[in-house]
Amino acid sequence: MSKASPPKPRSLSQKIAITIVASQYNSEFTDALVENAQQELKELTPNAQINLVRVPGAFEIPATVEAVMRHNQPTCVIALGLIIRGQTAHGDLVAESVTHALQQIAVNHVTPIIHEVILCKDEKQAHARCVGNTLNRGKEAARAAVAITDTFQQLMHATTCISPSKS
């Protein structure tokens, strides 16, 4: 696990649409993820349209992201949620299912999805990743969204294909 935040990407002045799909479950933590992501996005993409969709829990995130992709066609989606691992395999199963579904949706729609549906062992770990400043995954998700949006925009406007040179 990384203990440092990724570097801030360059700010984007273009008009882009970013949708945040966030679970309400474990709201003490998910509300903080949303707030931090929104603040960072406003700083890095002042002209962005930022939409927020709240869902009951992490399991509902992929179906909602699919609906957003079909009807709103955002530039990027940020999926935020928190699963606290319990005594059974339920949390791991939900996390694995969400991860697989989000990856399939991103590939099928050729649209970036930032996956920050976090699986933590306890509330202490959740607090460090969602509420604290050192490892804030909401802020990191926003930075990743801006960076990949910039990359996708460069790909869409590229006039030549650049390949690695052969040795």
Protein backbone atom coordinates (compact mmCIF):
# COMPACT_ATOMS: atom_id res chain seq x y z
CA MET A 1 0.00 0.00 0.00
CA SER A 2 1.31 3.41 -0.95
CA LYS A 3 1.80 5.87 1.87
CA ALA A 4 2.14 8.91 -0.39
CA SER A 5 -0.39 10.68 -2.56
CA PRO A 6 0.16 10.73 -6.31
CA PRO A 7 1.42 14.04 -7.67
CA LYS A 8 -1.13 16.65 -8.64
CA PRO A 9 -1.87 16.50 -12.35
CA ARG A 10 -1.97 19.65 -14.42
CA SER A 11 -5.25 21.55 -14.23
CA LEU A 12 -7.72 21.14 -17.06
CA SER A 13 -9.59 24.16 -18.39
CA GLN A 14 -11.77 22.22 -20.82
CA LYS A 15 -15.45 21.62 -20.20
CA ILE A 16 -15.66 18.01 -19.02
CA ALA A 17 -18.29 16.00 -17.19
CA ILE A 18 -17.30 13.86 -14.22
CA THR A 19 -19.84 11.77 -12.36
CA ILE A 20 -19.18 10.54 -8.85
CA VAL A 21 -21.13 7.43 -7.87
CA ALA A 22 -20.81 6.93 -4.13
CA SER A 23 -22.32 4.57 -1.59
CA GLN A 24 -24.15 5.89 1.44
CA TYR A 25 -23.26 2.91 3.61
CA ASN A 26 -20.53 3.75 6.14
CA SER A 27 -21.48 7.39 5.58
CA GLU A 28 -18.95 8.78 8.07
CA PHE A 29 -16.29 7.62 5.64
CA THR A 30 -18.02 7.79 2.27
CA ASP A 31 -19.22 11.36 2.88
CA ALA A 32 -15.60 12.35 3.54
CA LEU A 33 -14.47 10.62 0.33
CA VAL A 34 -17.08 12.52 -1.67
CA GLU A 35 -16.27 15.87 -0.06
CA ASN A 36 -12.54 15.50 -0.64
CA ALA A 37 -13.01 14.34 -4.23
CA GLN A 38 -15.33 17.25 -5.02
CA GLN A 39 -12.96 19.82 -3.49
CA GLU A 40 -9.98 18.48 -5.43
CA LEU A 41 -11.96 18.33 -8.69
CA LYS A 42 -13.12 21.94 -8.31
CA GLU A 43 -9.51 23.02 -7.84
CA LEU A 44 -8.10 20.97 -10.74
CA THR A 45 -10.98 21.32 -13.22
CA PRO A 46 -12.75 24.64 -12.58
CA ASN A 47 -14.93 24.32 -15.70
CA ALA A 48 -16.02 20.73 -15.06
CA GLN A 49 -19.58 19.68 -14.55
CA ILE A 50 -19.48 17.44 -11.49
CA ASN A 51 -22.50 15.23 -10.88
CA LEU A 52 -23.06 13.17 -7.76
CA VAL A 53 -25.20 10.03 -7.55
CA ARG A 54 -25.58 8.33 -4.16
CA VAL A 55 -26.52 4.66 -3.87
CA PRO A 56 -27.30 2.52 -0.80
CA GLY A 57 -24.12 0.42 -0.75
CA ALA A 58 -21.05 -0.69 -2.66
CA PHE A 59 -22.85 -3.53 -4.43
CA GLU A 60 -25.16 -1.02 -6.17
CA ILE A 61 -22.31 1.05 -7.58
CA PRO A 62 -21.62 -0.95 -10.81
CA ALA A 63 -25.25 -1.05 -11.99
CA THR A 64 -25.54 2.68 -11.35
CA VAL A 65 -22.28 3.39 -13.18
CA GLU A 66 -23.61 1.39 -16.14
CA ALA A 67 -26.80 3.48 -16.15
CA VAL A 68 -24.77 6.70 -15.98
CA MET A 69 -22.63 5.54 -18.90
CA ARG A 70 -25.66 4.72 -21.03
CA HIS A 71 -27.64 7.88 -20.33
CA ASN A 72 -25.19 10.66 -19.45
CA GLN A 73 -21.98 9.67 -21.27
CA PRO A 74 -19.58 11.34 -18.81
CA THR A 75 -15.93 12.03 -19.56
CA CYS A 76 -14.98 10.01 -16.48
CA VAL A 77 -16.66 8.31 -13.51
CA ILE A 78 -15.36 8.10 -9.97
CA ALA A 79 -16.71 5.18 -7.90
CA LEU A 80 -16.44 5.77 -4.15
CA GLY A 81 -17.37 3.36 -1.39
CA LEU A 82 -16.13 1.62 1.70
CA ILE A 83 -16.37 -2.01 2.71
CA ILE A 84 -15.15 -2.99 6.15
CA ARG A 85 -14.01 -6.59 6.20
CA GLY A 86 -15.98 -8.61 8.70
CA GLN A 87 -15.85 -12.11 10.16
CA THR A 88 -17.09 -13.73 6.94
CA ALA A 89 -16.08 -13.59 3.27
CA HIS A 90 -19.03 -11.33 2.38
CA GLY A 91 -16.96 -8.12 2.19
CA ASP A 92 -14.30 -9.76 0.04
CA LEU A 93 -16.93 -11.16 -2.30
CA VAL A 94 -18.63 -7.78 -2.71
CA ALA A 95 -15.28 -6.05 -3.27
CA GLU A 96 -14.24 -8.60 -5.90
CA SER A 97 -17.60 -8.36 -7.66
CA VAL A 98 -17.52 -4.56 -7.72
CA THR A 99 -13.94 -4.50 -9.01
CA HIS A 100 -14.66 -6.93 -11.84
CA ALA A 101 -17.89 -5.17 -12.85
CA LEU A 102 -16.33 -1.69 -12.89
CA GLN A 103 -13.43 -2.90 -15.03
CA GLN A 104 -15.83 -4.51 -17.53
CA ILE A 105 -17.95 -1.34 -17.74
CA ALA A 106 -14.87 0.83 -18.32
CA VAL A 107 -13.58 -1.43 -21.08
CA ASN A 108 -16.98 -1.86 -22.73
CA HIS A 109 -17.63 1.90 -22.82
CA VAL A 110 -13.98 2.93 -23.38
CA THR A 111 -14.48 5.46 -20.60
CA PRO A 112 -12.27 5.77 -17.54
CA ILE A 113 -13.68 4.72 -14.19
CA ILE A 114 -11.67 5.53 -11.10
CA HIS A 115 -12.17 2.70 -8.63
CA GLU A 116 -12.01 3.81 -5.01
CA VAL A 117 -14.39 1.32 -3.48
CA ILE A 118 -12.08 0.59 -0.60
CA LEU A 119 -11.87 -2.67 1.36
CA CYS A 120 -10.50 -2.05 4.86
CA LYS A 121 -9.87 -4.38 7.76
CA ASP A 122 -11.31 -2.00 10.40
CA GLU A 123 -12.56 1.53 11.13
CA LYS A 124 -9.08 2.77 12.03
CA GLN A 125 -7.82 1.85 8.57
CA ALA A 126 -10.96 3.35 7.01
CA HIS A 127 -10.44 6.64 8.87
CA ALA A 128 -6.84 6.89 7.65
CA ARG A 129 -7.91 6.42 4.01
CA CYS A 130 -11.13 8.42 3.95
CA VAL A 131 -10.95 11.16 6.57
CA GLY A 132 -7.24 11.77 7.13
CA ASN A 133 -5.06 13.99 4.98
CA THR A 134 -2.10 11.69 4.42
CA LEU A 135 -3.80 8.87 2.48
CA ASN A 136 -7.02 10.54 1.41
CA ARG A 137 -8.43 8.30 -1.31
CA GLY A 138 -11.13 10.83 -2.29
CA LYS A 139 -8.47 13.37 -3.19
CA GLU A 140 -6.42 10.67 -4.94
CA ALA A 141 -9.47 9.59 -6.95
CA ALA A 142 -9.99 13.15 -8.16
CA ARG A 143 -6.34 13.45 -9.19
CA ALA A 144 -6.50 10.15 -11.04
CA ALA A 145 -9.69 11.24 -12.81
CA VAL A 146 -8.09 14.46 -14.02
CA ALA A 147 -4.90 12.70 -15.11
CA ILE A 148 -6.69 9.95 -17.08
CA THR A 149 -9.11 12.47 -18.61
CA ASP A 150 -6.12 14.45 -19.85
CA THR A 151 -4.60 11.26 -21.27
CA PHE A 152 -7.83 10.28 -23.04
CA GLN A 153 -8.18 13.79 -24.51
CA GLN A 154 -4.63 13.58 -25.84
CA LEU A 155 -5.39 10.19 -27.39
CA MET A 156 -8.54 11.51 -29.06
CA HIS A 157 -6.67 14.44 -30.59
CA ALA A 158 -3.53 12.57 -31.64
CA THR A 159 -2.85 12.70 -35.35
CA THR A 160 -0.07 10.14 -35.38
CA CYS A 161 0.51 6.88 -33.62
CA ILE A 162 3.64 6.74 -31.52
CA SER A 163 5.16 3.32 -30.97
CA PRO A 164 8.12 2.32 -28.84
CA SER A 165 11.27 1.97 -30.90
CA LYS A 166 12.48 -1.56 -31.58
CA SER A 167 15.93 -2.53 -30.37
